[in-house]
Amino acid sequence: MRSLAFDLGAESGRAILGTLENKHLQLQEIHRFLNRPVWVRGNFYWNTLELWREIKEGLRLALREDPEIKSLGIDTWGVDFGLLDEAGVLLGNPRHYRDPQNQLGYEQALAEVGKEKIWQQTGIQFQVFNSLYQLKTLLMNKSTALSAAKTLLFMPDLFTYFLTGRKVAEYTIASTSSMLSHSGRTFAAELLAELGLPTDIFPELIQPGTVVGGLTSDVQAEVGGGAGLQVIAPAEHDTASAVVAVPAEEEDYAYLSCGTWSLLGVETDQPVLSPAAMEGSLTNEGGAGGKIRLLKNIMGLWLLQQSRRRWQLEGENYSYAELTELAEQAPAFSSLIDPDAPEFLNPPSMPDAICQFCRETGQYVPQSKGEISRTILESLALKYRWTMDRLREVTGMKLGVLHMVGGGIQNKLLCQFAANACGVKVVAGPVEATAIGNLMVQAMALGEVDGLAQAREIVAASFPPAVYLPQDQSAWEKQYQRFLTLLK
């Protein structure tokens, strides 16, 4: 079996060709491209048509490599969407979840119906950028796009529509929106109506592994083939795909999908809707195989990415490896931050925001790039510990192992810090978990793999992980108590 996975992240996208033979998966990167959102008059947008062009280019290159590719699937980040008119034409450019206007809809929605009602109907963590609050913002701003909209498509579904002409809403991506019932079977029409939002713009809800259709004739003409190729909806939310690729042998473990965001959680059979789960800012998102991903969204390596970007603008071009080396050389625990403090969502200068947080909390203000980088990595590790404690509290699980997957595990210092802070064994790998999970769901749809358990056996055999054991436990426990005083 040869299938193509498009994995679109906040910084870049990739087209990965997967070959599954004798229960062993091999990957070949066919195309890599930047994801470059754009500011326009104070609003933040995805460059959607550029991404569409890059998807077609990746498909063209893949078909040149192998004209008989069986299938493709697309995964992306969550919550964002495009609106289509009655003719199926895209109404404007989709907004980026870090657009500052989202705050308006968030505050108004909570004022109108309250957190408790939203939580009980959806089971989703309260984040200012969730689709529900983005729609409410459009309504408050009297958006002509919203008033003309006949269909809402989440980002991977939008690109799938461009490929096939079929409009669908895949379950895992829809579950991130705060607009899907926690049962996962319907959109939360009562909640939407109470907020004055349209209830009739959502397409057919489908499960991961659904064959959506073939390529349209115009796409085939552009990419030079693909007449027999099937477009399959994988677990379209990138974290849902990454969780498919967690090579866990244990039953009682936590996973951490580590990249721009750090998403730390467990798999459950049913949503957890307790007050403790709500107060712990946990979320019940959809997973493959009928599972619920009970997890927390943590700001993640966005903090380091934006710091690096700021330093690049100032003429100092450090690689991530160089910043990690500087962090390793910096003094331990000189400063700590709450990675999820709202001032870190999208500041003009991330290093300045970090220094200001330290100043306001009476701590040493980091002076060097190494000190700032170490502050980020240590603080992330301590937030992982905090989150694992919340997960243990609401599930009763012991969570003696943490499986880390995704591009962030290339930062070995962060992996070791996670083991130290959480006091558990960390199993790190694979790096390309999202693309691998995407490919595994396609393989399940094609009958090449028999369910999640076999998919994870294939991942474990194909991509041996690294193991990190806890160190310096007493020092990290002391710093954790200090970290608790800084949480906002």
Protein backbone atom coordinates (compact mmCIF):
# COMPACT_ATOMS: atom_id res chain seq x y z
CA MET A 1 0.00 0.00 0.00
CA ARG A 2 1.22 3.49 -0.88
CA SER A 3 -0.72 6.46 0.50
CA LEU A 4 -0.10 10.18 0.87
CA ALA A 5 -0.52 12.17 4.08
CA PHE A 6 -0.76 15.96 4.06
CA ASP A 7 0.09 17.28 7.52
CA LEU A 8 -0.47 21.03 7.87
CA GLY A 9 0.91 22.62 11.02
CA ALA A 10 1.06 26.19 12.24
CA GLU A 11 4.56 26.77 10.82
CA SER A 12 4.76 24.41 7.86
CA GLY A 13 3.09 21.67 5.87
CA ARG A 14 4.39 18.40 4.50
CA ALA A 15 3.34 15.81 1.96
CA ILE A 16 4.55 12.43 3.25
CA LEU A 17 4.35 9.31 1.11
CA GLY A 18 3.90 6.16 3.18
CA THR A 19 4.68 2.64 2.03
CA LEU A 20 3.22 -0.20 4.10
CA GLU A 21 4.70 -3.63 3.32
CA ASN A 22 4.83 -6.70 5.54
CA LYS A 23 3.42 -4.67 8.48
CA HIS A 24 6.33 -2.21 8.26
CA LEU A 25 5.84 1.48 7.41
CA GLN A 26 8.37 3.59 5.55
CA LEU A 27 8.09 7.35 5.04
CA GLN A 28 9.29 9.57 2.21
CA GLU A 29 8.95 13.34 2.40
CA ILE A 30 7.73 14.46 -1.01
CA HIS A 31 7.12 18.16 -0.42
CA ARG A 32 7.61 20.62 2.43
CA PHE A 33 6.27 24.17 2.45
CA LEU A 34 5.87 27.12 4.78
CA ASN A 35 2.55 28.08 6.32
CA ARG A 36 2.63 31.88 6.31
CA PRO A 37 -0.41 33.59 7.85
CA VAL A 38 -0.92 37.26 7.09
CA TRP A 39 -1.88 40.35 9.08
CA VAL A 40 -4.32 42.72 7.31
CA ARG A 41 -5.59 45.86 9.05
CA GLY A 42 -5.35 44.36 12.51
CA ASN A 43 -6.77 40.95 11.63
CA PHE A 44 -4.87 37.67 11.27
CA TYR A 45 -5.66 35.32 8.37
CA TRP A 46 -4.48 31.99 7.01
CA ASN A 47 -3.09 32.23 3.47
CA THR A 48 -5.57 29.58 2.38
CA LEU A 49 -5.08 29.72 -1.37
CA GLU A 50 -1.31 29.49 -1.01
CA LEU A 51 -1.81 26.36 1.12
CA TRP A 52 -4.16 24.96 -1.54
CA ARG A 53 -1.54 25.59 -4.22
CA GLU A 54 1.07 23.78 -2.12
CA ILE A 55 -1.27 20.81 -1.58
CA LYS A 56 -1.72 20.47 -5.34
CA GLU A 57 2.03 20.74 -5.85
CA GLY A 58 2.65 18.02 -3.26
CA LEU A 59 0.08 15.81 -4.96
CA ARG A 60 1.65 16.43 -8.38
CA LEU A 61 5.10 15.47 -7.08
CA ALA A 62 3.74 12.39 -5.33
CA LEU A 63 1.95 11.16 -8.46
CA ARG A 64 5.14 11.66 -10.43
CA GLU A 65 6.86 9.43 -7.85
CA ASP A 66 4.10 6.82 -7.98
CA PRO A 67 1.12 7.24 -10.36
CA GLU A 68 -0.71 4.39 -8.56
CA ILE A 69 -1.01 5.96 -5.11
CA LYS A 70 -4.09 4.46 -3.48
CA SER A 71 -5.25 7.29 -1.25
CA LEU A 72 -4.57 10.60 0.44
CA GLY A 73 -5.71 12.27 3.66
CA ILE A 74 -5.34 15.75 5.12
CA ASP A 75 -4.91 16.75 8.77
CA THR A 76 -4.51 20.25 10.18
CA TRP A 77 -4.70 22.26 13.38
CA GLY A 78 -8.15 22.60 14.99
CA VAL A 79 -10.97 25.15 15.35
CA ASP A 80 -10.52 27.30 12.21
CA PHE A 81 -12.95 27.16 9.29
CA GLY A 82 -14.06 28.59 5.96
CA LEU A 83 -17.56 29.71 4.99
CA LEU A 84 -19.09 28.85 1.60
CA ASP A 85 -21.99 30.53 -0.18
CA GLU A 86 -24.87 28.76 -1.89
CA ALA A 87 -22.73 28.07 -4.98
CA GLY A 88 -19.93 26.58 -2.88
CA VAL A 89 -17.64 29.60 -3.26
CA LEU A 90 -15.34 30.49 -0.35
CA LEU A 91 -16.50 33.70 1.35
CA GLY A 92 -13.32 35.53 2.27
CA ASN A 93 -10.16 34.21 3.83
CA PRO A 94 -10.41 32.04 6.97
CA ARG A 95 -9.30 33.77 10.15
CA HIS A 96 -6.35 32.54 12.20
CA TYR A 97 -7.20 31.29 15.69
CA ARG A 98 -4.76 33.85 17.11
CA ASP A 99 -6.79 36.74 15.66
CA PRO A 100 -7.24 39.22 18.53
CA GLN A 101 -10.93 39.85 17.76
CA ASN A 102 -11.89 36.39 19.00
CA GLN A 103 -11.88 37.77 22.54
CA LEU A 104 -15.11 39.65 21.77
CA GLY A 105 -17.15 36.55 21.00
CA TYR A 106 -15.63 34.58 23.87
CA GLU A 107 -16.62 37.12 26.50
CA GLN A 108 -20.10 37.63 25.04
CA ALA A 109 -20.86 33.90 24.75
CA LEU A 110 -19.87 33.26 28.35
CA ALA A 111 -21.94 36.25 29.47
CA GLU A 112 -25.03 35.01 27.60
CA VAL A 113 -25.10 31.32 28.52
CA GLY A 114 -22.34 30.74 31.11
CA LYS A 115 -19.48 28.29 31.26
CA GLU A 116 -21.47 25.51 32.89
CA LYS A 117 -23.93 25.19 30.02
CA ILE A 118 -21.24 25.22 27.34
CA TRP A 119 -19.24 22.60 29.26
CA GLN A 120 -22.16 20.28 29.86
CA GLN A 121 -23.21 20.35 26.22
CA THR A 122 -19.76 20.11 24.59
CA GLY A 123 -17.17 19.04 27.21
CA ILE A 124 -14.58 21.29 25.55
CA GLN A 125 -11.91 23.39 27.25
CA PHE A 126 -12.56 27.14 27.36
CA GLN A 127 -10.21 28.77 24.88
CA VAL A 128 -10.76 32.18 23.39
CA PHE A 129 -10.19 30.91 19.85
CA ASN A 130 -12.64 27.97 19.78
CA SER A 131 -14.88 27.98 16.70
CA LEU A 132 -17.95 28.79 18.77
CA TYR A 133 -16.44 32.08 19.90
CA GLN A 134 -15.08 32.87 16.44
CA LEU A 135 -18.61 32.53 15.03
CA LYS A 136 -20.00 34.68 17.82
CA THR A 137 -17.42 37.35 16.99
CA LEU A 138 -18.48 37.30 13.33
CA LEU A 139 -22.12 37.67 14.41
CA MET A 140 -21.30 40.61 16.71
CA ASN A 141 -19.35 42.30 13.88
CA LYS A 142 -22.31 41.84 11.50
CA SER A 143 -20.19 39.78 9.14
CA THR A 144 -21.61 39.69 5.62
CA ALA A 145 -19.77 36.41 5.07
CA LEU A 146 -21.65 34.81 7.95
CA SER A 147 -25.02 36.14 6.80
CA ALA A 148 -24.40 34.76 3.28
CA ALA A 149 -22.95 31.43 4.44
CA LYS A 150 -24.69 28.19 3.53
CA THR A 151 -21.93 25.83 4.69
CA LEU A 152 -19.18 25.87 7.31
CA LEU A 153 -16.16 23.66 6.63
CA PHE A 154 -13.30 23.15 9.07
CA MET A 155 -9.88 23.63 7.49
CA PRO A 156 -9.07 20.02 6.49
CA ASP A 157 -12.64 19.56 5.28
CA LEU A 158 -12.29 22.73 3.20
CA PHE A 159 -9.24 21.33 1.38
CA THR A 160 -10.98 17.95 1.02
CA TYR A 161 -13.90 19.79 -0.60
CA PHE A 162 -11.50 21.53 -2.99
CA LEU A 163 -10.15 18.08 -3.94
CA THR A 164 -13.42 16.16 -4.23
CA GLY A 165 -16.35 18.57 -4.39
CA ARG A 166 -17.95 16.87 -1.35
CA LYS A 167 -18.78 18.80 1.82
CA VAL A 168 -18.33 16.89 5.10
CA ALA A 169 -17.37 17.49 8.73
CA GLU A 170 -14.99 14.86 10.11
CA TYR A 171 -15.63 14.01 13.76
CA THR A 172 -12.22 14.69 15.35
CA ILE A 173 -11.79 18.12 13.78
CA ALA A 174 -15.42 19.08 14.50
CA SER A 175 -14.96 18.07 18.13
CA THR A 176 -12.41 20.86 18.72
CA SER A 177 -14.96 23.55 17.92
CA SER A 178 -17.12 23.76 21.09
CA MET A 179 -20.04 23.34 18.68
CA LEU A 180 -20.33 19.55 18.70
CA SER A 181 -22.39 17.70 21.30
CA HIS A 182 -20.14 15.76 23.68
CA SER A 183 -21.82 12.59 22.39
CA GLY A 184 -20.08 13.25 19.08
CA ARG A 185 -23.19 12.45 17.08
CA THR A 186 -24.69 15.89 16.39
CA PHE A 187 -23.86 19.57 16.48
CA ALA A 188 -25.08 21.36 19.61
CA ALA A 189 -28.08 23.04 17.99
CA GLU A 190 -29.65 24.21 21.26
CA LEU A 191 -26.46 25.98 22.36
CA LEU A 192 -25.92 27.56 18.94
CA ALA A 193 -29.50 28.81 18.78
CA GLU A 194 -29.31 30.31 22.26
CA LEU A 195 -26.26 32.29 21.13
CA GLY A 196 -28.07 33.48 18.00
CA LEU A 197 -25.82 31.42 15.72
CA PRO A 198 -26.97 29.53 12.63
CA THR A 199 -27.71 25.84 13.12
CA ASP A 200 -28.14 24.84 9.47
CA ILE A 201 -24.65 25.49 8.04
CA PHE A 202 -23.02 22.24 9.12
CA PRO A 203 -22.48 19.43 6.61
CA GLU A 204 -22.74 15.67 7.08
CA LEU A 205 -20.76 14.43 10.09
CA ILE A 206 -18.43 11.53 9.23
CA GLN A 207 -16.04 9.32 11.19
CA PRO A 208 -12.26 8.92 10.71
CA GLY A 209 -11.54 6.43 7.95
CA THR A 210 -14.47 7.47 5.75
CA VAL A 211 -13.78 7.43 2.01
CA VAL A 212 -14.92 10.89 0.90
CA GLY A 213 -14.48 10.41 -2.85
CA GLY A 214 -12.17 10.74 -5.83
CA LEU A 215 -10.39 13.77 -7.23
CA THR A 216 -12.44 16.11 -9.40
CA SER A 217 -11.56 16.22 -13.07
CA ASP A 218 -10.09 19.72 -12.81
CA VAL A 219 -7.76 18.67 -9.98
CA GLN A 220 -6.69 15.59 -11.96
CA ALA A 221 -5.88 17.82 -14.92
CA GLU A 222 -3.79 20.16 -12.77
CA VAL A 223 -1.77 17.47 -10.97
CA GLY A 224 -1.36 15.14 -13.93
CA GLY A 225 -3.24 12.06 -12.79
CA GLY A 226 -4.92 10.49 -9.79
CA ALA A 227 -7.98 9.03 -11.53
CA GLY A 228 -8.03 6.00 -9.21
CA LEU A 229 -6.98 7.80 -6.03
CA GLN A 230 -9.37 7.85 -3.06
CA VAL A 231 -9.53 10.85 -0.71
CA ILE A 232 -9.98 9.47 2.82
CA ALA A 233 -10.78 11.47 5.93
CA PRO A 234 -8.15 10.44 8.49
CA ALA A 235 -8.39 11.64 12.07
CA GLU A 236 -8.30 15.16 10.63
CA HIS A 237 -7.29 16.99 13.78
CA ASP A 238 -3.50 16.72 13.84
CA THR A 239 -3.41 15.67 17.49
CA ALA A 240 -5.99 12.96 16.86
CA SER A 241 -3.76 11.59 14.11
CA ALA A 242 -0.70 11.84 16.37
CA VAL A 243 -2.46 9.85 19.11
CA VAL A 244 -3.15 7.03 16.63
CA ALA A 245 0.65 6.76 16.26
CA VAL A 246 1.44 6.52 19.99
CA PRO A 247 3.30 3.17 20.20
CA ALA A 248 1.91 2.30 23.64
CA GLU A 249 2.07 -1.21 25.02
CA GLU A 250 0.79 -0.13 28.47
CA GLU A 251 -2.89 0.40 29.23
CA ASP A 252 -2.29 3.12 31.84
CA TYR A 253 -0.27 5.91 30.21
CA ALA A 254 -0.45 9.53 29.15
CA TYR A 255 0.48 10.91 25.74
CA LEU A 256 1.98 14.26 24.80
CA SER A 257 1.83 15.49 21.24
CA CYS A 258 4.65 17.99 21.26
CA GLY A 259 5.02 20.82 18.75
CA THR A 260 3.75 24.39 18.46
CA TRP A 261 1.18 23.24 21.02
CA SER A 262 1.73 20.64 23.71
CA LEU A 263 -1.36 18.45 23.99
CA LEU A 264 -1.19 16.16 27.00
CA GLY A 265 -3.89 13.65 27.78
CA VAL A 266 -5.26 10.12 27.97
CA GLU A 267 -7.69 8.05 25.92
CA THR A 268 -11.08 7.27 27.48
CA ASP A 269 -14.19 5.50 26.28
CA GLN A 270 -16.55 8.24 27.46
CA PRO A 271 -16.23 12.01 27.99
CA VAL A 272 -15.35 13.17 31.50
CA LEU A 273 -17.69 16.04 32.39
CA SER A 274 -17.00 16.45 36.10
CA PRO A 275 -16.56 19.91 37.69
CA ALA A 276 -12.94 18.97 38.43
CA ALA A 277 -12.30 18.33 34.74
CA MET A 278 -13.82 21.70 33.82
CA GLU A 279 -11.87 23.54 36.51
CA GLY A 280 -8.67 21.79 35.39
CA SER A 281 -9.19 23.18 31.86
CA LEU A 282 -9.35 19.69 30.40
CA THR A 283 -11.12 18.97 27.14
CA ASN A 284 -12.97 15.99 25.63
CA GLU A 285 -12.03 15.85 21.96
CA GLY A 286 -12.84 13.10 19.49
CA GLY A 287 -10.38 10.36 18.62
CA ALA A 288 -10.08 7.49 16.18
CA GLY A 289 -11.56 4.12 17.01
CA GLY A 290 -14.42 5.59 19.01
CA LYS A 291 -12.10 6.99 21.67
CA ILE A 292 -12.25 10.31 23.53
CA ARG A 293 -9.04 12.30 23.89
CA LEU A 294 -9.25 13.75 27.39
CA LEU A 295 -6.45 16.29 27.32
CA LYS A 296 -5.22 19.79 27.99
CA ASN A 297 -3.94 22.25 25.39
CA ILE A 298 -0.68 23.75 26.66
CA MET A 299 0.97 26.65 24.85
CA GLY A 300 3.94 24.48 23.84
CA LEU A 301 7.00 25.32 21.77
CA TRP A 302 5.19 28.34 20.35
CA LEU A 303 6.99 30.21 23.13
CA LEU A 304 10.39 29.22 21.75
CA GLN A 305 9.34 29.57 18.12
CA GLN A 306 8.16 33.14 18.64
CA SER A 307 11.24 34.03 20.69
CA ARG A 308 13.45 32.74 17.88
CA ARG A 309 11.39 34.67 15.32
CA ARG A 310 11.82 37.88 17.31
CA TRP A 311 15.57 37.38 17.53
CA GLN A 312 15.67 36.75 13.78
CA LEU A 313 13.95 40.10 13.19
CA GLU A 314 16.70 41.67 15.30
CA GLY A 315 19.35 40.10 13.07
CA GLU A 316 20.35 37.13 15.26
CA ASN A 317 19.60 33.86 13.50
CA TYR A 318 19.83 30.94 15.95
CA SER A 319 18.77 27.41 15.10
CA TYR A 320 16.59 25.50 17.55
CA ALA A 321 19.56 23.23 18.26
CA GLU A 322 21.71 26.25 19.14
CA LEU A 323 19.02 27.68 21.43
CA THR A 324 18.69 24.33 23.18
CA GLU A 325 22.47 24.18 23.68
CA LEU A 326 22.41 27.69 25.17
CA ALA A 327 19.53 26.63 27.44
CA GLU A 328 21.49 23.62 28.65
CA GLN A 329 24.39 25.88 29.61
CA ALA A 330 22.18 28.41 31.44
CA PRO A 331 21.58 28.23 35.22
CA ALA A 332 18.73 25.97 36.32
CA PHE A 333 15.44 27.41 37.61
CA SER A 334 16.50 31.07 37.58
CA SER A 335 12.99 32.03 36.37
CA LEU A 336 9.68 30.27 35.72
CA ILE A 337 6.54 31.25 33.83
CA ASP A 338 3.02 29.93 33.35
CA PRO A 339 3.16 28.89 29.66
CA ASP A 340 -0.61 29.34 29.35
CA ALA A 341 -0.77 32.89 30.65
CA PRO A 342 -2.88 34.93 28.19
CA GLU A 343 -0.07 37.39 27.51
CA PHE A 344 1.79 34.64 25.64
CA LEU A 345 -0.98 33.94 23.11
CA ASN A 346 0.34 36.32 20.43
CA PRO A 347 2.52 39.13 21.85
CA PRO A 348 4.49 41.55 19.63
CA SER A 349 7.69 40.27 21.27
CA MET A 350 7.73 36.92 23.07
CA PRO A 351 11.07 37.54 24.86
CA ASP A 352 9.74 40.86 26.17
CA ALA A 353 6.50 39.20 27.35
CA ILE A 354 8.48 36.53 29.20
CA CYS A 355 10.70 39.11 30.87
CA GLN A 356 7.69 41.17 31.87
CA PHE A 357 6.00 38.13 33.44
CA CYS A 358 9.13 37.47 35.50
CA ARG A 359 9.36 41.13 36.51
CA GLU A 360 5.71 41.26 37.61
CA THR A 361 6.05 38.06 39.66
CA GLY A 362 9.16 39.30 41.49
CA GLN A 363 11.58 36.89 39.87
CA TYR A 364 14.97 37.23 38.29
CA VAL A 365 14.49 38.70 34.79
CA PRO A 366 16.33 36.51 32.25
CA GLN A 367 19.05 38.40 30.42
CA SER A 368 20.34 36.04 27.75
CA LYS A 369 18.81 33.92 25.01
CA GLY A 370 19.94 30.82 26.86
CA GLU A 371 18.23 31.94 30.05
CA ILE A 372 14.97 32.72 28.21
CA SER A 373 15.10 29.39 26.37
CA ARG A 374 15.72 27.45 29.60
CA THR A 375 12.89 29.32 31.33
CA ILE A 376 10.55 28.17 28.54
CA LEU A 377 11.64 24.53 28.60
CA GLU A 378 11.62 24.15 32.40
CA SER A 379 8.23 25.85 32.65
CA LEU A 380 6.72 23.63 29.97
CA ALA A 381 7.95 20.53 31.80
CA LEU A 382 6.41 21.73 35.06
CA LYS A 383 3.10 22.45 33.30
CA TYR A 384 3.19 18.86 32.05
CA ARG A 385 3.46 17.73 35.68
CA TRP A 386 0.53 19.92 36.67
CA THR A 387 -1.58 18.52 33.85
CA MET A 388 -0.75 14.91 34.68
CA ASP A 389 -1.84 15.57 38.26
CA ARG A 390 -5.19 16.89 36.99
CA LEU A 391 -5.65 13.86 34.73
CA ARG A 392 -4.93 11.49 37.62
CA GLU A 393 -7.43 13.37 39.76
CA VAL A 394 -10.34 13.11 37.31
CA THR A 395 -9.69 9.59 35.95
CA GLY A 396 -8.10 7.68 38.82
CA MET A 397 -5.38 6.46 36.45
CA LYS A 398 -1.78 6.11 37.75
CA LEU A 399 -0.08 7.31 34.54
CA GLY A 400 3.33 5.81 35.18
CA VAL A 401 4.54 6.40 31.61
CA LEU A 402 4.43 9.47 29.36
CA HIS A 403 4.60 8.85 25.61
CA MET A 404 5.89 11.94 23.79
CA VAL A 405 5.42 12.16 20.01
CA GLY A 406 5.83 14.83 17.35
CA GLY A 407 8.49 17.23 16.16
CA GLY A 408 9.10 18.67 19.63
CA ILE A 409 10.73 15.43 20.80
CA GLN A 410 13.77 16.35 18.72
CA ASN A 411 14.48 18.66 21.65
CA LYS A 412 16.09 16.05 23.89
CA LEU A 413 16.49 18.53 26.72
CA LEU A 414 12.72 19.04 26.87
CA CYS A 415 12.18 15.26 26.91
CA GLN A 416 14.56 14.89 29.85
CA PHE A 417 13.00 17.83 31.68
CA ALA A 418 9.56 16.22 31.18
CA ALA A 419 10.79 12.99 32.78
CA ASN A 420 12.34 14.95 35.65
CA ALA A 421 9.31 17.15 36.31
CA CYS A 422 6.69 14.40 35.97
CA GLY A 423 8.72 11.75 37.79
CA VAL A 424 7.88 9.08 35.20
CA LYS A 425 9.55 7.27 32.34
CA VAL A 426 9.26 9.19 29.08
CA VAL A 427 9.07 7.19 25.85
CA ALA A 428 9.80 9.55 22.94
CA GLY A 429 8.84 8.74 19.37
CA PRO A 430 7.94 8.84 16.59
CA VAL A 431 8.79 12.35 15.37
CA GLU A 432 6.40 12.19 12.40
CA ALA A 433 3.53 10.91 14.54
CA THR A 434 0.85 13.03 12.90
CA ALA A 435 1.65 11.93 9.35
CA ILE A 436 2.04 8.33 10.55
CA GLY A 437 -1.35 8.36 12.29
CA ASN A 438 -2.90 9.91 9.18
CA LEU A 439 -1.45 7.06 7.08
CA MET A 440 -2.54 4.40 9.57
CA VAL A 441 -6.18 5.54 9.44
CA GLN A 442 -6.02 5.45 5.65
CA ALA A 443 -4.61 1.91 5.90
CA MET A 444 -7.50 0.91 8.17
CA ALA A 445 -9.98 2.34 5.67
CA LEU A 446 -8.34 0.34 2.87
CA GLY A 447 -8.41 -2.87 4.92
CA GLU A 448 -4.62 -3.06 5.26
CA VAL A 449 -4.61 -2.63 9.06
CA ASP A 450 -7.06 -4.12 11.54
CA GLY A 451 -7.77 -1.38 14.09
CA LEU A 452 -5.85 0.83 16.50
CA ALA A 453 -4.01 -1.94 18.33
CA GLN A 454 -2.43 -3.31 15.17
CA ALA A 455 -1.65 0.21 13.93
CA ARG A 456 0.31 0.89 17.12
CA GLU A 457 2.15 -2.42 16.83
CA ILE A 458 3.25 -1.41 13.33
CA VAL A 459 4.38 2.02 14.54
CA ALA A 460 6.40 0.51 17.42
CA ALA A 461 8.13 -1.94 15.07
CA SER A 462 8.80 0.66 12.38
CA PHE A 463 10.02 3.57 14.54
CA PRO A 464 11.86 2.46 17.75
CA PRO A 465 11.51 5.15 20.45
CA ALA A 466 14.03 6.72 22.85
CA VAL A 467 13.61 6.40 26.64
CA TYR A 468 14.28 9.06 29.30
CA LEU A 469 14.28 8.26 33.03
CA PRO A 470 13.66 10.81 35.83
CA GLN A 471 16.63 12.62 37.36
CA ASP A 472 17.10 15.19 40.18
CA GLN A 473 13.69 14.43 41.68
CA SER A 474 14.04 16.48 44.87
CA ALA A 475 15.13 19.62 43.00
CA TRP A 476 12.27 19.38 40.52
CA GLU A 477 9.72 18.75 43.28
CA LYS A 478 10.88 21.89 45.07
CA GLN A 479 10.56 23.94 41.88
CA TYR A 480 7.12 22.50 41.21
CA GLN A 481 5.87 23.96 44.49
CA ARG A 482 7.28 27.31 43.43
CA PHE A 483 5.70 26.95 39.97
CA LEU A 484 2.26 26.46 41.52
CA THR A 485 2.39 29.97 42.98
CA LEU A 486 2.82 31.46 39.47
CA LEU A 487 -0.21 29.92 37.76
CA LYS A 488 -2.78 32.41 36.51
